[in-house]
Amino acid sequence: MKVEQLARRLLIAQLGLTAVLALGWGVYSGYLDAIAVVYGGMVSIVLAWMHKRGVRKAQERSLHDPKAGMLILYVGAVLRFVLLIVLLGVGFGLLKLSPHPMLAGFVLAQLGFLFVARR
């Protein structure tokens, strides 16, 4: 199935980019910043997984009701946005992670998602 193969490639790309950045940041600034990079990358990976799941559900539902498929996509986008705010808030506020490495991990993993998905 093409969607499953793309999702697997996206996950591998995001994990690889996050690991490389975490290793580099960890060597440069220490392990606490590397943990922040990994947290940011994991936020992106969780959101990508939710997106994959939503697309799969929308495809299945749209066979019977196209409007329901679109509704699933819209609701999924809102949920992912809210989850992004919550997870970043937990990272900044509760876990007290460094903001620059955490955001760098998130952004790099998102860029990996973007570049692999565009192929």
Protein backbone atom coordinates (compact mmCIF):
# COMPACT_ATOMS: atom_id res chain seq x y z
CA MET A 1 0.00 0.00 0.00
CA LYS A 2 1.48 3.32 -1.08
CA VAL A 3 0.35 5.33 1.97
CA GLU A 4 1.95 2.80 4.33
CA GLN A 5 5.26 2.88 2.43
CA LEU A 6 5.31 6.67 2.43
CA ALA A 7 4.50 6.76 6.15
CA ARG A 8 7.34 4.34 6.88
CA ARG A 9 9.80 6.46 4.85
CA LEU A 10 8.61 9.60 6.64
CA LEU A 11 9.11 8.02 10.05
CA ILE A 12 12.59 6.79 9.17
CA ALA A 13 13.57 10.22 7.80
CA GLN A 14 12.26 12.00 10.87
CA LEU A 15 13.98 9.60 13.26
CA GLY A 16 17.26 9.85 11.35
CA LEU A 17 17.27 13.63 11.20
CA THR A 18 16.35 13.89 14.87
CA ALA A 19 19.13 11.47 15.86
CA VAL A 20 21.76 13.30 13.81
CA LEU A 21 20.76 16.68 15.21
CA ALA A 22 20.59 15.34 18.78
CA LEU A 23 24.05 13.81 18.44
CA GLY A 24 25.51 17.03 17.05
CA TRP A 25 23.79 19.23 19.60
CA GLY A 26 24.75 16.85 22.38
CA VAL A 27 28.42 16.98 21.43
CA TYR A 28 28.30 20.76 21.17
CA SER A 29 26.15 21.66 24.20
CA GLY A 30 25.66 18.57 26.33
CA TYR A 31 23.17 15.81 26.87
CA LEU A 32 20.37 18.02 28.26
CA ASP A 33 20.15 19.89 24.97
CA ALA A 34 20.29 16.58 23.10
CA ILE A 35 17.27 15.43 25.13
CA ALA A 36 15.47 18.64 24.16
CA VAL A 37 16.20 17.94 20.47
CA VAL A 38 14.86 14.40 20.81
CA TYR A 39 11.71 15.67 22.54
CA GLY A 40 11.09 18.19 19.74
CA GLY A 41 11.64 15.52 17.11
CA MET A 42 9.31 13.12 18.90
CA VAL A 43 6.58 15.77 18.97
CA SER A 44 6.86 16.01 15.19
CA ILE A 45 6.84 12.22 14.82
CA VAL A 46 3.72 11.87 16.98
CA LEU A 47 1.95 14.48 14.88
CA ALA A 48 2.98 12.72 11.66
CA TRP A 49 1.67 9.42 13.04
CA MET A 50 -1.65 11.07 13.89
CA HIS A 51 -1.79 12.52 10.39
CA LYS A 52 -1.19 9.11 8.83
CA ARG A 53 -3.91 7.57 10.96
CA GLY A 54 -6.36 10.34 10.06
CA VAL A 55 -5.67 10.03 6.34
CA ARG A 56 -6.23 6.28 6.53
CA LYS A 57 -9.55 6.75 8.36
CA ALA A 58 -10.62 9.48 5.92
CA GLN A 59 -9.85 7.23 2.94
CA GLU A 60 -11.91 4.41 4.38
CA ARG A 61 -14.82 6.67 5.30
CA SER A 62 -14.82 8.63 2.03
CA LEU A 63 -15.67 5.47 0.10
CA HIS A 64 -19.14 5.64 1.64
CA ASP A 65 -19.45 9.34 2.48
CA PRO A 66 -17.01 11.90 1.00
CA LYS A 67 -18.17 14.63 3.40
CA ALA A 68 -17.36 12.44 6.39
CA GLY A 69 -13.87 11.85 5.01
CA MET A 70 -13.28 15.59 4.74
CA LEU A 71 -14.63 16.15 8.24
CA ILE A 72 -12.17 13.58 9.60
CA LEU A 73 -9.30 15.47 7.95
CA TYR A 74 -10.42 18.84 9.32
CA VAL A 75 -11.00 17.55 12.84
CA GLY A 76 -7.64 15.77 12.72
CA ALA A 77 -5.88 19.00 11.74
CA VAL A 78 -7.43 20.86 14.67
CA LEU A 79 -6.54 18.05 17.08
CA ARG A 80 -2.94 17.98 15.87
CA PHE A 81 -2.66 21.74 16.30
CA VAL A 82 -4.00 21.58 19.85
CA LEU A 83 -1.73 18.64 20.66
CA LEU A 84 1.25 20.57 19.29
CA ILE A 85 0.55 23.47 21.63
CA VAL A 86 0.09 21.13 24.61
CA LEU A 87 3.22 19.07 23.93
CA LEU A 88 5.42 22.11 23.36
CA GLY A 89 3.95 23.68 26.49
CA VAL A 90 4.83 20.54 28.47
CA GLY A 91 8.36 20.64 27.07
CA PHE A 92 8.87 24.32 27.86
CA GLY A 93 6.98 24.61 31.12
CA LEU A 94 6.81 21.28 32.88
CA LEU A 95 10.02 19.63 31.68
CA LYS A 96 11.96 22.92 31.46
CA LEU A 97 13.72 21.87 28.26
CA SER A 98 15.90 24.34 26.40
CA PRO A 99 13.74 26.08 23.81
CA HIS A 100 16.22 26.40 20.94
CA PRO A 101 17.23 22.73 20.72
CA MET A 102 13.65 21.56 21.24
CA LEU A 103 12.32 23.79 18.48
CA ALA A 104 15.25 22.87 16.24
CA GLY A 105 14.44 19.18 16.67
CA PHE A 106 10.79 19.81 15.90
CA VAL A 107 11.50 21.98 12.86
CA LEU A 108 14.09 19.63 11.38
CA ALA A 109 11.79 16.63 11.78
CA GLN A 110 8.97 18.63 10.16
CA LEU A 111 11.26 19.55 7.27
CA GLY A 112 12.08 15.87 6.85
CA PHE A 113 8.35 15.18 6.72
CA LEU A 114 7.90 17.91 4.11
CA PHE A 115 10.75 16.82 1.84
CA VAL A 116 9.94 13.11 1.90
CA ALA A 117 6.19 13.72 1.46
CA ARG A 118 6.80 15.93 -1.61
CA ARG A 119 8.66 13.20 -3.50
